[in-house]
Amino acid sequence: MNATGFEPAPDQDPATASDPGRIVLLTTSHRVAPGLLSWPAWQALHAADRVLCADGAHPQLPYLREAGIEVDETSPTAEELVGACAGGHTVVVVATGEGEPALTDGLARLAGSGRLRMPELELLPASYDLPGARLLDLVQVMDRIRDECPWSSQQTHKGLAKYGIEEAYELVEAIEEGDRDELREELGDVLLQVVFHARIAEEDPDAPFSVDDVAGGIVAKLIHRHPHVFGDETADTPEEVKAHWLRTKAMEKQRTSVTDGIPLGQPGLALAAKLASRVRTAGLDVPLPKGEGIGYELLALATRAEAEGVDPEAALRAAARAYRDAVRRVESGG
């Protein structure tokens, strides 16, 4: 045994000494429960001549040993690993979270030197992240921040409300500007608000709920409101989908007025357009209220825009951006 604690391979049979063997670098995801490995990974582990792992606290080790796999807790150099494979041996390296960069860099240098006949090197993912797996990381990070950050640990739903509004507006701006990098970032900021509020909600003494409850609620709602996807109903056009949605929503909410559920605190043009949309969808004949002043004129414009399929808020923002550009041209003397 050398200074690294690595036991070199015994002398090999001359008949197989020329075979450089095989190295399998086994990677796992910490977002998947330990022990849930792919079938090719289990096959490689059971067939290996040796299984090595540099991290004695690796979460997979108890499960590997329970399955009868002997694991050496050692961290060989690249040269030592190549030597252990000589003679046709297969060595599986259970990678740590960092992916063994020192070892792989050393193997790359050896291969580039041309001094040794290198073993076959295979990267074998033993467990894969499912779509959405990074959301688990976000929840874990938020848990730690809530526990350890002096500012975050003191926040409340009311205190964070203004940030939710700001982030929503910044998301809309990124969409309208067409900046893909900015869109990705702003979506993350909005997602943070959801996870932050859900984390705070866990601490409520009377009616706690978690991010899993939030996700479970919206999953159930989406399935229920899409019977043409998850049920027996059919919908071949966007209009039929919207009709399904509105009918199901009405049954869920049991509202007495088409105006129920419309937040009055939203921007005025959006509020007016939403009211007009509800009235039009319900087939009601409701004349606009009579009055003088800019408010009633804006109400009429917002109602007209909605009837023509135009978002009055977006239209006004586009015009305002054009106005901003004009101001800048004048300021720059252009």
C-alpha atoms as a PDB file:
ATOM      1  CA  MET A   1       0.000   0.000   0.000  1.00  0.00           C
ATOM      2  CA  ASN A   2       1.400   3.440  -0.915  1.00  0.00           C
ATOM      3  CA  ALA A   3       1.111   6.892   0.652  1.00  0.00           C
ATOM      4  CA  THR A   4      -2.366   7.441  -0.735  1.00  0.00           C
ATOM      5  CA  GLY A   5      -3.678   4.324   0.955  1.00  0.00           C
ATOM      6  CA  PHE A   6      -4.269   2.706  -2.418  1.00  0.00           C
ATOM      7  CA  GLU A   7      -3.516  -1.004  -2.735  1.00  0.00           C
ATOM      8  CA  PRO A   8      -1.968  -1.633  -6.169  1.00  0.00           C
ATOM      9  CA  ALA A   9      -3.147  -4.515  -8.297  1.00  0.00           C
ATOM     10  CA  PRO A  10      -1.312  -7.815  -7.842  1.00  0.00           C
ATOM     11  CA  ASP A  11       0.983  -9.154 -10.528  1.00  0.00           C
ATOM     12  CA  GLN A  12      -1.023 -10.091 -13.577  1.00  0.00           C
ATOM     13  CA  ASP A  13      -1.179 -13.226 -15.669  1.00  0.00           C
ATOM     14  CA  PRO A  14       1.207 -12.750 -18.631  1.00  0.00           C
ATOM     15  CA  ALA A  15      -1.634 -13.721 -20.970  1.00  0.00           C
ATOM     16  CA  THR A  16      -3.656 -10.678 -19.963  1.00  0.00           C
ATOM     17  CA  ALA A  17      -0.904  -8.254 -18.950  1.00  0.00           C
ATOM     18  CA  SER A  18      -1.159  -6.355 -22.237  1.00  0.00           C
ATOM     19  CA  ASP A  19      -4.851  -5.537 -21.706  1.00  0.00           C
ATOM     20  CA  PRO A  20      -5.050  -1.989 -20.214  1.00  0.00           C
ATOM     21  CA  GLY A  21      -8.452  -2.667 -18.691  1.00  0.00           C
ATOM     22  CA  ARG A  22     -11.311  -0.274 -18.085  1.00  0.00           C
ATOM     23  CA  ILE A  23     -12.170   2.644 -15.807  1.00  0.00           C
ATOM     24  CA  VAL A  24     -15.828   3.444 -15.134  1.00  0.00           C
ATOM     25  CA  LEU A  25     -16.517   6.843 -13.593  1.00  0.00           C
ATOM     26  CA  LEU A  26     -19.906   6.475 -11.918  1.00  0.00           C
ATOM     27  CA  THR A  27     -21.787   9.734 -11.351  1.00  0.00           C
ATOM     28  CA  THR A  28     -24.940  10.184  -9.289  1.00  0.00           C
ATOM     29  CA  SER A  29     -27.385  13.002  -8.629  1.00  0.00           C
ATOM     30  CA  HIS A  30     -27.934  14.177  -5.062  1.00  0.00           C
ATOM     31  CA  ARG A  31     -31.469  15.119  -6.148  1.00  0.00           C
ATOM     32  CA  VAL A  32     -32.393  11.420  -6.448  1.00  0.00           C
ATOM     33  CA  ALA A  33     -32.696   9.257  -3.342  1.00  0.00           C
ATOM     34  CA  PRO A  34     -29.521   7.227  -2.636  1.00  0.00           C
ATOM     35  CA  GLY A  35     -29.704   3.634  -3.812  1.00  0.00           C
ATOM     36  CA  LEU A  36     -31.959   4.425  -6.770  1.00  0.00           C
ATOM     37  CA  LEU A  37     -29.405   3.657  -9.459  1.00  0.00           C
ATOM     38  CA  SER A  38     -29.863   2.650 -13.070  1.00  0.00           C
ATOM     39  CA  TRP A  39     -29.652  -0.996 -14.059  1.00  0.00           C
ATOM     40  CA  PRO A  40     -26.443  -0.454 -16.131  1.00  0.00           C
ATOM     41  CA  ALA A  41     -24.886   1.126 -13.022  1.00  0.00           C
ATOM     42  CA  TRP A  42     -25.739  -1.876 -10.836  1.00  0.00           C
ATOM     43  CA  GLN A  43     -24.401  -4.211 -13.530  1.00  0.00           C
ATOM     44  CA  ALA A  44     -21.116  -2.300 -13.702  1.00  0.00           C
ATOM     45  CA  LEU A  45     -20.770  -2.258  -9.916  1.00  0.00           C
ATOM     46  CA  HIS A  46     -21.361  -6.000  -9.542  1.00  0.00           C
ATOM     47  CA  ALA A  47     -19.066  -6.877 -12.445  1.00  0.00           C
ATOM     48  CA  ALA A  48     -16.181  -4.633 -11.388  1.00  0.00           C
ATOM     49  CA  ASP A  49     -12.927  -6.027 -10.047  1.00  0.00           C
ATOM     50  CA  ARG A  50     -12.684  -3.080  -7.688  1.00  0.00           C
ATOM     51  CA  VAL A  51     -14.980  -0.217  -6.624  1.00  0.00           C
ATOM     52  CA  LEU A  52     -13.354   2.921  -5.250  1.00  0.00           C
ATOM     53  CA  CYS A  53     -14.708   6.064  -3.601  1.00  0.00           C
ATOM     54  CA  ALA A  54     -12.693   8.965  -2.194  1.00  0.00           C
ATOM     55  CA  ASP A  55     -15.512  10.156   0.062  1.00  0.00           C
ATOM     56  CA  GLY A  56     -16.180   7.888   3.012  1.00  0.00           C
ATOM     57  CA  ALA A  57     -19.401   9.797   3.715  1.00  0.00           C
ATOM     58  CA  HIS A  58     -20.761   9.432   0.186  1.00  0.00           C
ATOM     59  CA  PRO A  59     -24.552   8.849   0.516  1.00  0.00           C
ATOM     60  CA  GLN A  60     -24.459   5.895  -1.876  1.00  0.00           C
ATOM     61  CA  LEU A  61     -21.954   3.825   0.113  1.00  0.00           C
ATOM     62  CA  PRO A  62     -24.352   2.274   2.672  1.00  0.00           C
ATOM     63  CA  TYR A  63     -26.642   1.129  -0.141  1.00  0.00           C
ATOM     64  CA  LEU A  64     -23.793  -0.307  -2.199  1.00  0.00           C
ATOM     65  CA  ARG A  65     -22.512  -2.279   0.768  1.00  0.00           C
ATOM     66  CA  GLU A  66     -26.019  -3.466   1.577  1.00  0.00           C
ATOM     67  CA  ALA A  67     -26.123  -4.840  -1.968  1.00  0.00           C
ATOM     68  CA  GLY A  68     -22.946  -6.807  -1.281  1.00  0.00           C
ATOM     69  CA  ILE A  69     -20.536  -4.508  -3.122  1.00  0.00           C
ATOM     70  CA  GLU A  70     -17.175  -3.973  -1.442  1.00  0.00           C
ATOM     71  CA  VAL A  71     -16.071  -0.348  -1.712  1.00  0.00           C
ATOM     72  CA  ASP A  72     -12.524   0.830  -0.993  1.00  0.00           C
ATOM     73  CA  GLU A  73     -12.462   4.299   0.515  1.00  0.00           C
ATOM     74  CA  THR A  74      -9.373   5.608  -1.249  1.00  0.00           C
ATOM     75  CA  SER A  75      -8.281   8.327  -3.644  1.00  0.00           C
ATOM     76  CA  PRO A  76      -5.664   6.980  -6.064  1.00  0.00           C
ATOM     77  CA  THR A  77      -3.650   9.106  -8.430  1.00  0.00           C
ATOM     78  CA  ALA A  78      -4.223   8.756 -12.161  1.00  0.00           C
ATOM     79  CA  GLU A  79      -1.064   6.644 -12.500  1.00  0.00           C
ATOM     80  CA  GLU A  80      -2.173   4.330  -9.691  1.00  0.00           C
ATOM     81  CA  LEU A  81      -5.607   3.906 -11.197  1.00  0.00           C
ATOM     82  CA  VAL A  82      -4.181   3.054 -14.603  1.00  0.00           C
ATOM     83  CA  GLY A  83      -1.899   0.525 -12.938  1.00  0.00           C
ATOM     84  CA  ALA A  84      -4.816  -1.066 -11.092  1.00  0.00           C
ATOM     85  CA  CYS A  85      -6.596  -1.636 -14.402  1.00  0.00           C
ATOM     86  CA  ALA A  86      -3.608  -3.271 -16.075  1.00  0.00           C
ATOM     87  CA  GLY A  87      -4.215  -6.838 -17.042  1.00  0.00           C
ATOM     88  CA  GLY A  88      -7.829  -6.380 -18.116  1.00  0.00           C
ATOM     89  CA  HIS A  89      -9.269  -5.275 -14.794  1.00  0.00           C
ATOM     90  CA  THR A  90     -12.328  -3.020 -14.481  1.00  0.00           C
ATOM     91  CA  VAL A  91     -12.260  -0.392 -11.754  1.00  0.00           C
ATOM     92  CA  VAL A  92     -15.401   1.594 -10.936  1.00  0.00           C
ATOM     93  CA  VAL A  93     -14.844   5.005  -9.342  1.00  0.00           C
ATOM     94  CA  VAL A  94     -17.907   6.309  -7.495  1.00  0.00           C
ATOM     95  CA  ALA A  95     -17.526  10.032  -8.160  1.00  0.00           C
ATOM     96  CA  THR A  96     -17.931  12.626  -5.451  1.00  0.00           C
ATOM     97  CA  GLY A  97     -20.156  15.657  -5.921  1.00  0.00           C
ATOM     98  CA  GLU A  98     -17.388  17.563  -7.697  1.00  0.00           C
ATOM     99  CA  GLY A  99     -17.021  14.806 -10.308  1.00  0.00           C
ATOM    100  CA  GLU A 100     -13.345  13.931  -9.550  1.00  0.00           C
ATOM    101  CA  PRO A 101     -11.749  16.746 -11.596  1.00  0.00           C
ATOM    102  CA  ALA A 102      -8.225  16.077 -10.276  1.00  0.00           C
ATOM    103  CA  LEU A 103      -8.434  12.432 -11.294  1.00  0.00           C
ATOM    104  CA  THR A 104      -9.895  13.078 -14.739  1.00  0.00           C
ATOM    105  CA  ASP A 105      -7.369  15.857 -15.399  1.00  0.00           C
ATOM    106  CA  GLY A 106      -4.572  13.475 -14.423  1.00  0.00           C
ATOM    107  CA  LEU A 107      -5.912  10.795 -16.762  1.00  0.00           C
ATOM    108  CA  ALA A 108      -6.098  13.345 -19.572  1.00  0.00           C
ATOM    109  CA  ARG A 109      -2.456  14.320 -19.001  1.00  0.00           C
ATOM    110  CA  LEU A 110      -1.369  10.690 -19.039  1.00  0.00           C
ATOM    111  CA  ALA A 111      -3.263  10.047 -22.255  1.00  0.00           C
ATOM    112  CA  GLY A 112      -1.708  13.120 -23.846  1.00  0.00           C
ATOM    113  CA  SER A 113       1.811  12.112 -22.849  1.00  0.00           C
ATOM    114  CA  GLY A 114       1.706   8.903 -24.917  1.00  0.00           C
ATOM    115  CA  ARG A 115       3.820   7.135 -22.287  1.00  0.00           C
ATOM    116  CA  LEU A 116       1.187   4.640 -21.241  1.00  0.00           C
ATOM    117  CA  ARG A 117      -1.392   2.487 -22.893  1.00  0.00           C
ATOM    118  CA  MET A 118      -4.541   3.904 -21.389  1.00  0.00           C
ATOM    119  CA  PRO A 119      -7.503   1.840 -20.202  1.00  0.00           C
ATOM    120  CA  GLU A 120     -10.911   2.381 -21.711  1.00  0.00           C
ATOM    121  CA  LEU A 121     -12.632   5.243 -19.867  1.00  0.00           C
ATOM    122  CA  GLU A 122     -16.431   5.292 -19.548  1.00  0.00           C
ATOM    123  CA  LEU A 123     -18.578   7.940 -17.910  1.00  0.00           C
ATOM    124  CA  LEU A 124     -21.665   6.189 -16.563  1.00  0.00           C
ATOM    125  CA  PRO A 125     -24.479   8.309 -15.065  1.00  0.00           C
ATOM    126  CA  ALA A 126     -26.023   6.130 -12.391  1.00  0.00           C
ATOM    127  CA  SER A 127     -28.928   8.457 -11.639  1.00  0.00           C
ATOM    128  CA  TYR A 128     -30.382  11.297 -13.657  1.00  0.00           C
ATOM    129  CA  ASP A 129     -32.029  14.562 -12.776  1.00  0.00           C
ATOM    130  CA  LEU A 130     -35.670  14.623 -13.800  1.00  0.00           C
ATOM    131  CA  PRO A 131     -37.054  17.811 -15.393  1.00  0.00           C
ATOM    132  CA  GLY A 132     -37.574  20.328 -12.630  1.00  0.00           C
ATOM    133  CA  ALA A 133     -34.959  18.752 -10.365  1.00  0.00           C
ATOM    134  CA  ARG A 134     -33.216  22.079  -9.784  1.00  0.00           C
ATOM    135  CA  LEU A 135     -36.378  23.279  -8.062  1.00  0.00           C
ATOM    136  CA  LEU A 136     -35.357  21.008  -5.192  1.00  0.00           C
ATOM    137  CA  ASP A 137     -32.114  22.958  -4.932  1.00  0.00           C
ATOM    138  CA  LEU A 138     -34.066  26.208  -4.819  1.00  0.00           C
ATOM    139  CA  VAL A 139     -36.212  24.926  -1.966  1.00  0.00           C
ATOM    140  CA  GLN A 140     -33.127  23.805  -0.033  1.00  0.00           C
ATOM    141  CA  VAL A 141     -31.349  27.129  -0.578  1.00  0.00           C
ATOM    142  CA  MET A 142     -34.455  29.031   0.501  1.00  0.00           C
ATOM    143  CA  ASP A 143     -34.702  26.914   3.665  1.00  0.00           C
ATOM    144  CA  ARG A 144     -31.144  27.806   4.619  1.00  0.00           C
ATOM    145  CA  ILE A 145     -31.534  31.487   3.804  1.00  0.00           C
ATOM    146  CA  ARG A 146     -34.730  31.674   5.850  1.00  0.00           C
ATOM    147  CA  ASP A 147     -32.947  30.074   8.814  1.00  0.00           C
ATOM    148  CA  GLU A 148     -29.615  31.886   8.648  1.00  0.00           C
ATOM    149  CA  CYS A 149     -30.011  35.255   6.880  1.00  0.00           C
ATOM    150  CA  PRO A 150     -30.826  38.141   9.287  1.00  0.00           C
ATOM    151  CA  TRP A 151     -32.919  39.945   6.648  1.00  0.00           C
ATOM    152  CA  SER A 152     -34.733  36.975   5.102  1.00  0.00           C
ATOM    153  CA  SER A 153     -35.587  35.427   8.453  1.00  0.00           C
ATOM    154  CA  GLN A 154     -37.605  38.525   9.409  1.00  0.00           C
ATOM    155  CA  GLN A 155     -39.668  38.891   6.230  1.00  0.00           C
ATOM    156  CA  THR A 156     -43.455  38.490   6.110  1.00  0.00           C
ATOM    157  CA  HIS A 157     -45.997  38.066   3.335  1.00  0.00           C
ATOM    158  CA  LYS A 158     -46.973  41.726   3.608  1.00  0.00           C
ATOM    159  CA  GLY A 159     -43.388  42.908   3.636  1.00  0.00           C
ATOM    160  CA  LEU A 160     -42.607  40.982   0.443  1.00  0.00           C
ATOM    161  CA  ALA A 161     -45.778  41.971  -1.422  1.00  0.00           C
ATOM    162  CA  LYS A 162     -44.200  44.972  -3.148  1.00  0.00           C
ATOM    163  CA  TYR A 163     -41.380  42.818  -4.504  1.00  0.00           C
ATOM    164  CA  GLY A 164     -43.873  40.456  -6.103  1.00  0.00           C
ATOM    165  CA  ILE A 165     -45.398  43.378  -7.982  1.00  0.00           C
ATOM    166  CA  GLU A 166     -42.006  44.731  -9.028  1.00  0.00           C
ATOM    167  CA  GLU A 167     -40.774  41.362 -10.260  1.00  0.00           C
ATOM    168  CA  ALA A 168     -43.961  40.781 -12.243  1.00  0.00           C
ATOM    169  CA  TYR A 169     -43.534  44.128 -14.003  1.00  0.00           C
ATOM    170  CA  GLU A 170     -39.872  43.387 -14.734  1.00  0.00           C
ATOM    171  CA  LEU A 171     -40.894  40.035 -16.210  1.00  0.00           C
ATOM    172  CA  VAL A 172     -43.420  41.723 -18.489  1.00  0.00           C
ATOM    173  CA  GLU A 173     -40.778  44.231 -19.571  1.00  0.00           C
ATOM    174  CA  ALA A 174     -38.335  41.430 -20.421  1.00  0.00           C
ATOM    175  CA  ILE A 175     -41.021  39.718 -22.500  1.00  0.00           C
ATOM    176  CA  GLU A 176     -41.865  42.896 -24.390  1.00  0.00           C
ATOM    177  CA  GLU A 177     -38.205  43.760 -24.965  1.00  0.00           C
ATOM    178  CA  GLY A 178     -37.531  40.269 -26.331  1.00  0.00           C
ATOM    179  CA  ASP A 179     -34.354  39.813 -24.273  1.00  0.00           C
ATOM    180  CA  ARG A 180     -33.999  36.062 -23.709  1.00  0.00           C
ATOM    181  CA  ASP A 181     -31.296  36.313 -21.047  1.00  0.00           C
ATOM    182  CA  GLU A 182     -33.295  38.915 -19.163  1.00  0.00           C
ATOM    183  CA  LEU A 183     -36.440  36.792 -19.507  1.00  0.00           C
ATOM    184  CA  ARG A 184     -34.726  33.801 -17.923  1.00  0.00           C
ATOM    185  CA  GLU A 185     -33.447  35.916 -15.050  1.00  0.00           C
ATOM    186  CA  GLU A 186     -36.793  37.591 -14.390  1.00  0.00           C
ATOM    187  CA  LEU A 187     -38.611  34.263 -14.432  1.00  0.00           C
ATOM    188  CA  GLY A 188     -36.193  33.158 -11.727  1.00  0.00           C
ATOM    189  CA  ASP A 189     -36.955  36.270  -9.683  1.00  0.00           C
ATOM    190  CA  VAL A 190     -40.687  35.602  -9.923  1.00  0.00           C
ATOM    191  CA  LEU A 191     -40.134  31.962  -8.972  1.00  0.00           C
ATOM    192  CA  LEU A 192     -38.143  33.110  -5.954  1.00  0.00           C
ATOM    193  CA  GLN A 193     -41.138  35.096  -4.740  1.00  0.00           C
ATOM    194  CA  VAL A 194     -43.321  31.977  -4.893  1.00  0.00           C
ATOM    195  CA  VAL A 195     -40.816  29.824  -3.000  1.00  0.00           C
ATOM    196  CA  PHE A 196     -40.105  32.579  -0.456  1.00  0.00           C
ATOM    197  CA  HIS A 197     -43.789  33.075   0.360  1.00  0.00           C
ATOM    198  CA  ALA A 198     -44.331  29.312   0.598  1.00  0.00           C
ATOM    199  CA  ARG A 199     -41.387  29.025   3.003  1.00  0.00           C
ATOM    200  CA  ILE A 200     -42.833  31.770   5.199  1.00  0.00           C
ATOM    201  CA  ALA A 201     -46.224  30.056   5.093  1.00  0.00           C
ATOM    202  CA  GLU A 202     -44.739  26.923   6.655  1.00  0.00           C
ATOM    203  CA  GLU A 203     -44.242  28.843   9.890  1.00  0.00           C
ATOM    204  CA  ASP A 204     -47.842  29.994  10.283  1.00  0.00           C
ATOM    205  CA  PRO A 205     -49.119  28.626  13.606  1.00  0.00           C
ATOM    206  CA  ASP A 206     -52.745  28.344  12.503  1.00  0.00           C
ATOM    207  CA  ALA A 207     -52.801  27.453   8.804  1.00  0.00           C
ATOM    208  CA  PRO A 208     -49.346  26.388   7.612  1.00  0.00           C
ATOM    209  CA  PHE A 209     -48.691  25.154   4.102  1.00  0.00           C
ATOM    210  CA  SER A 210     -45.567  24.359   2.104  1.00  0.00           C
ATOM    211  CA  VAL A 211     -44.328  24.756  -1.441  1.00  0.00           C
ATOM    212  CA  ASP A 212     -45.492  21.162  -2.032  1.00  0.00           C
ATOM    213  CA  ASP A 213     -49.023  22.209  -1.073  1.00  0.00           C
ATOM    214  CA  VAL A 214     -48.764  25.141  -3.477  1.00  0.00           C
ATOM    215  CA  ALA A 215     -47.554  22.905  -6.300  1.00  0.00           C
ATOM    216  CA  GLY A 216     -50.102  20.219  -5.483  1.00  0.00           C
ATOM    217  CA  GLY A 217     -52.913  22.744  -5.592  1.00  0.00           C
ATOM    218  CA  ILE A 218     -52.007  24.114  -9.000  1.00  0.00           C
ATOM    219  CA  VAL A 219     -51.457  20.598 -10.397  1.00  0.00           C
ATOM    220  CA  ALA A 220     -54.933  19.563  -9.274  1.00  0.00           C
ATOM    221  CA  LYS A 221     -56.414  22.763 -10.696  1.00  0.00           C
ATOM    222  CA  LEU A 222     -54.724  22.340 -14.074  1.00  0.00           C
ATOM    223  CA  ILE A 223     -55.852  18.737 -14.401  1.00  0.00           C
ATOM    224  CA  HIS A 224     -59.412  19.616 -13.414  1.00  0.00           C
ATOM    225  CA  ARG A 225     -59.591  22.541 -15.830  1.00  0.00           C
ATOM    226  CA  HIS A 226     -58.179  20.586 -18.768  1.00  0.00           C
ATOM    227  CA  PRO A 227     -60.679  17.753 -19.208  1.00  0.00           C
ATOM    228  CA  HIS A 228     -59.809  17.738 -22.919  1.00  0.00           C
ATOM    229  CA  VAL A 229     -56.247  16.700 -21.962  1.00  0.00           C
ATOM    230  CA  PHE A 230     -56.748  14.566 -18.843  1.00  0.00           C
ATOM    231  CA  GLY A 231     -60.368  13.516 -19.297  1.00  0.00           C
ATOM    232  CA  ASP A 232     -62.898  12.471 -21.901  1.00  0.00           C
ATOM    233  CA  GLU A 233     -63.916  15.873 -23.273  1.00  0.00           C
ATOM    234  CA  THR A 234     -62.611  17.250 -26.543  1.00  0.00           C
ATOM    235  CA  ALA A 235     -61.425  20.688 -27.568  1.00  0.00           C
ATOM    236  CA  ASP A 236     -59.963  21.336 -30.992  1.00  0.00           C
ATOM    237  CA  THR A 237     -59.649  25.125 -30.920  1.00  0.00           C
ATOM    238  CA  PRO A 238     -58.364  27.706 -28.441  1.00  0.00           C
ATOM    239  CA  GLU A 239     -61.921  29.018 -28.141  1.00  0.00           C
ATOM    240  CA  GLU A 240     -63.209  25.610 -27.038  1.00  0.00           C
ATOM    241  CA  VAL A 241     -60.378  25.346 -24.511  1.00  0.00           C
ATOM    242  CA  LYS A 242     -61.293  28.746 -23.086  1.00  0.00           C
ATOM    243  CA  ALA A 243     -64.939  27.719 -22.852  1.00  0.00           C
ATOM    244  CA  HIS A 244     -63.936  24.577 -20.915  1.00  0.00           C
ATOM    245  CA  TRP A 245     -61.784  26.671 -18.606  1.00  0.00           C
ATOM    246  CA  LEU A 246     -64.452  29.272 -17.877  1.00  0.00           C
ATOM    247  CA  ARG A 247     -67.180  26.691 -17.346  1.00  0.00           C
ATOM    248  CA  THR A 248     -65.055  24.659 -14.939  1.00  0.00           C
ATOM    249  CA  LYS A 249     -63.866  27.764 -13.136  1.00  0.00           C
ATOM    250  CA  ALA A 250     -67.431  28.981 -12.668  1.00  0.00           C
ATOM    251  CA  MET A 251     -68.425  25.646 -11.144  1.00  0.00           C
ATOM    252  CA  GLU A 252     -65.441  25.770  -8.773  1.00  0.00           C
ATOM    253  CA  LYS A 253     -65.879  29.342  -7.615  1.00  0.00           C
ATOM    254  CA  GLN A 254     -69.690  29.468  -7.458  1.00  0.00           C
ATOM    255  CA  ARG A 255     -69.546  33.211  -8.142  1.00  0.00           C
ATOM    256  CA  THR A 256     -72.632  35.404  -8.118  1.00  0.00           C
ATOM    257  CA  SER A 257     -71.209  38.052 -10.443  1.00  0.00           C
ATOM    258  CA  VAL A 258     -68.922  38.039 -13.457  1.00  0.00           C
ATOM    259  CA  THR A 259     -66.898  40.689 -11.653  1.00  0.00           C
ATOM    260  CA  ASP A 260     -66.073  38.429  -8.719  1.00  0.00           C
ATOM    261  CA  GLY A 261     -62.386  37.629  -8.453  1.00  0.00           C
ATOM    262  CA  ILE A 262     -61.170  40.637 -10.445  1.00  0.00           C
ATOM    263  CA  PRO A 263     -58.511  42.410  -8.335  1.00  0.00           C
ATOM    264  CA  LEU A 264     -59.377  46.101  -8.168  1.00  0.00           C
ATOM    265  CA  GLY A 265     -55.811  47.026  -7.234  1.00  0.00           C
ATOM    266  CA  GLN A 266     -54.381  46.249 -10.665  1.00  0.00           C
ATOM    267  CA  PRO A 267     -53.476  49.037 -13.130  1.00  0.00           C
ATOM    268  CA  GLY A 268     -56.509  50.947 -14.376  1.00  0.00           C
ATOM    269  CA  LEU A 269     -56.329  50.042 -18.062  1.00  0.00           C
ATOM    270  CA  ALA A 270     -55.873  46.351 -17.227  1.00  0.00           C
ATOM    271  CA  LEU A 271     -58.776  46.529 -14.783  1.00  0.00           C
ATOM    272  CA  ALA A 272     -61.072  48.139 -17.351  1.00  0.00           C
ATOM    273  CA  ALA A 273     -60.086  45.598 -20.023  1.00  0.00           C
ATOM    274  CA  LYS A 274     -60.664  42.685 -17.631  1.00  0.00           C
ATOM    275  CA  LEU A 275     -64.128  43.922 -16.740  1.00  0.00           C
ATOM    276  CA  ALA A 276     -64.941  44.357 -20.425  1.00  0.00           C
ATOM    277  CA  SER A 277     -63.669  40.853 -21.168  1.00  0.00           C
ATOM    278  CA  ARG A 278     -65.875  39.315 -18.474  1.00  0.00           C
ATOM    279  CA  VAL A 279     -68.907  41.217 -19.737  1.00  0.00           C
ATOM    280  CA  ARG A 280     -68.296  40.217 -23.350  1.00  0.00           C
ATOM    281  CA  THR A 281     -67.641  36.562 -22.499  1.00  0.00           C
ATOM    282  CA  ALA A 282     -70.841  36.382 -20.434  1.00  0.00           C
ATOM    283  CA  GLY A 283     -72.850  37.868 -23.298  1.00  0.00           C
ATOM    284  CA  LEU A 284     -74.116  40.744 -21.159  1.00  0.00           C
ATOM    285  CA  ASP A 285     -75.263  44.055 -22.620  1.00  0.00           C
ATOM    286  CA  VAL A 286     -73.874  46.614 -20.197  1.00  0.00           C
ATOM    287  CA  PRO A 287     -73.624  50.226 -21.431  1.00  0.00           C
ATOM    288  CA  LEU A 288     -70.568  52.152 -20.316  1.00  0.00           C
ATOM    289  CA  PRO A 289     -71.335  54.564 -17.479  1.00  0.00           C
ATOM    290  CA  LYS A 290     -71.836  58.169 -18.500  1.00  0.00           C
ATOM    291  CA  GLY A 291     -69.465  60.716 -17.088  1.00  0.00           C
ATOM    292  CA  GLU A 292     -67.054  63.448 -17.954  1.00  0.00           C
ATOM    293  CA  GLY A 293     -63.318  63.491 -17.577  1.00  0.00           C
ATOM    294  CA  ILE A 294     -60.274  61.581 -18.678  1.00  0.00           C
ATOM    295  CA  GLY A 295     -61.197  58.514 -16.600  1.00  0.00           C
ATOM    296  CA  TYR A 296     -64.331  57.807 -18.582  1.00  0.00           C
ATOM    297  CA  GLU A 297     -62.486  58.453 -21.835  1.00  0.00           C
ATOM    298  CA  LEU A 298     -59.804  55.959 -20.831  1.00  0.00           C
ATOM    299  CA  LEU A 299     -62.476  53.452 -19.840  1.00  0.00           C
ATOM    300  CA  ALA A 300     -64.020  53.724 -23.304  1.00  0.00           C
ATOM    301  CA  LEU A 301     -60.602  53.317 -24.954  1.00  0.00           C
ATOM    302  CA  ALA A 302     -59.753  50.272 -22.815  1.00  0.00           C
ATOM    303  CA  THR A 303     -63.109  48.669 -23.607  1.00  0.00           C
ATOM    304  CA  ARG A 304     -62.624  49.290 -27.318  1.00  0.00           C
ATOM    305  CA  ALA A 305     -59.112  47.841 -27.208  1.00  0.00           C
ATOM    306  CA  GLU A 306     -60.326  44.689 -25.485  1.00  0.00           C
ATOM    307  CA  ALA A 307     -63.070  44.221 -28.066  1.00  0.00           C
ATOM    308  CA  GLU A 308     -60.447  44.495 -30.813  1.00  0.00           C
ATOM    309  CA  GLY A 309     -58.164  41.958 -29.149  1.00  0.00           C
ATOM    310  CA  VAL A 310     -55.608  44.530 -28.024  1.00  0.00           C
ATOM    311  CA  ASP A 311     -54.098  44.637 -24.534  1.00  0.00           C
ATOM    312  CA  PRO A 312     -54.433  48.336 -23.625  1.00  0.00           C
ATOM    313  CA  GLU A 313     -51.691  48.138 -20.988  1.00  0.00           C
ATOM    314  CA  ALA A 314     -49.222  46.642 -23.474  1.00  0.00           C
ATOM    315  CA  ALA A 315     -50.262  49.119 -26.150  1.00  0.00           C
ATOM    316  CA  LEU A 316     -49.735  52.062 -23.823  1.00  0.00           C
ATOM    317  CA  ARG A 317     -46.364  50.718 -22.672  1.00  0.00           C
ATOM    318  CA  ALA A 318     -45.257  50.371 -26.304  1.00  0.00           C
ATOM    319  CA  ALA A 319     -46.295  53.956 -26.989  1.00  0.00           C
ATOM    320  CA  ALA A 320     -44.559  55.105 -23.795  1.00  0.00           C
ATOM    321  CA  ARG A 321     -41.335  53.396 -24.868  1.00  0.00           C
ATOM    322  CA  ALA A 322     -41.536  55.212 -28.185  1.00  0.00           C
ATOM    323  CA  TYR A 323     -42.017  58.452 -26.242  1.00  0.00           C
ATOM    324  CA  ARG A 324     -38.997  57.619 -24.053  1.00  0.00           C
ATOM    325  CA  ASP A 325     -36.859  57.030 -27.158  1.00  0.00           C
ATOM    326  CA  ALA A 326     -37.998  60.352 -28.585  1.00  0.00           C
ATOM    327  CA  VAL A 327     -37.016  62.111 -25.355  1.00  0.00           C
ATOM    328  CA  ARG A 328     -33.558  60.536 -25.490  1.00  0.00           C
ATOM    329  CA  ARG A 329     -33.079  61.611 -29.088  1.00  0.00           C
ATOM    330  CA  VAL A 330     -33.875  65.198 -28.164  1.00  0.00           C
ATOM    331  CA  GLU A 331     -31.568  65.010 -25.149  1.00  0.00           C
ATOM    332  CA  SER A 332     -28.704  63.714 -27.305  1.00  0.00           C
ATOM    333  CA  GLY A 333     -29.325  66.364 -29.949  1.00  0.00           C
ATOM    334  CA  GLY A 334     -30.331  63.739 -32.513  1.00  0.00           C
END
